[in-house]
Amino acid sequence: MKKKFFKALSKFNKKFLPSYSKQQLDLQKASNVQKAIIGWKLWVTKNSLD
């Protein structure tokens, strides 16, 4: 159940949140909002792979 939820959330993230790796964003120059989005996407991806 948990894994299905995170997989669905991951698809939502991919569709609606920006991809900073494609934009080649430098993490040292990223704003706090951009860092929060990166952290959120990382957390969701980690939980969907468990």
Protein backbone atom coordinates (compact mmCIF):
# COMPACT_ATOMS: atom_id res chain seq x y z
CA MET A 1 0.00 0.00 0.00
CA LYS A 2 2.76 2.44 0.99
CA LYS A 3 4.82 1.63 -2.09
CA LYS A 4 1.86 2.19 -4.44
CA PHE A 5 1.21 5.57 -2.84
CA PHE A 6 4.79 6.71 -3.31
CA LYS A 7 4.88 5.43 -6.90
CA ALA A 8 1.78 7.50 -7.68
CA LEU A 9 3.29 10.49 -5.89
CA SER A 10 6.47 10.04 -7.91
CA LYS A 11 4.50 10.16 -11.18
CA PHE A 12 2.78 13.33 -9.97
CA ASN A 13 6.18 14.89 -9.14
CA LYS A 14 7.57 13.99 -12.54
CA LYS A 15 4.62 15.58 -14.29
CA PHE A 16 4.24 18.79 -12.28
CA LEU A 17 7.55 19.63 -10.59
CA PRO A 18 10.56 20.98 -12.50
CA SER A 19 13.55 18.80 -13.33
CA TYR A 20 16.63 20.64 -12.16
CA SER A 21 19.02 18.03 -13.51
CA LYS A 22 17.85 18.80 -17.06
CA GLN A 23 18.38 22.50 -16.33
CA GLN A 24 21.86 21.73 -14.95
CA LEU A 25 21.17 23.66 -11.75
CA ASP A 26 24.18 24.26 -9.52
CA LEU A 27 23.17 23.18 -6.01
CA GLN A 28 25.32 25.86 -4.41
CA LYS A 29 23.39 28.55 -6.29
CA ALA A 30 19.95 27.01 -5.75
CA SER A 31 17.38 28.91 -3.73
CA ASN A 32 15.82 27.45 -0.60
CA VAL A 33 12.63 26.62 -2.51
CA GLN A 34 14.60 24.75 -5.17
CA LYS A 35 16.49 22.84 -2.48
CA ALA A 36 13.20 21.93 -0.81
CA ILE A 37 11.82 20.59 -4.11
CA ILE A 38 14.98 18.55 -4.68
CA GLY A 39 14.76 17.13 -1.15
CA TRP A 40 11.07 16.30 -1.57
CA LYS A 41 11.67 14.49 -4.86
CA LEU A 42 14.59 12.59 -3.35
CA TRP A 43 12.52 11.49 -0.33
CA VAL A 44 9.61 10.35 -2.52
CA THR A 45 11.94 8.45 -4.86
CA LYS A 46 13.69 6.75 -1.94
CA ASN A 47 10.40 5.59 -0.46
CA SER A 48 9.02 4.39 -3.78
CA LEU A 49 12.06 2.14 -4.28
CA ASP A 50 11.95 0.45 -0.86
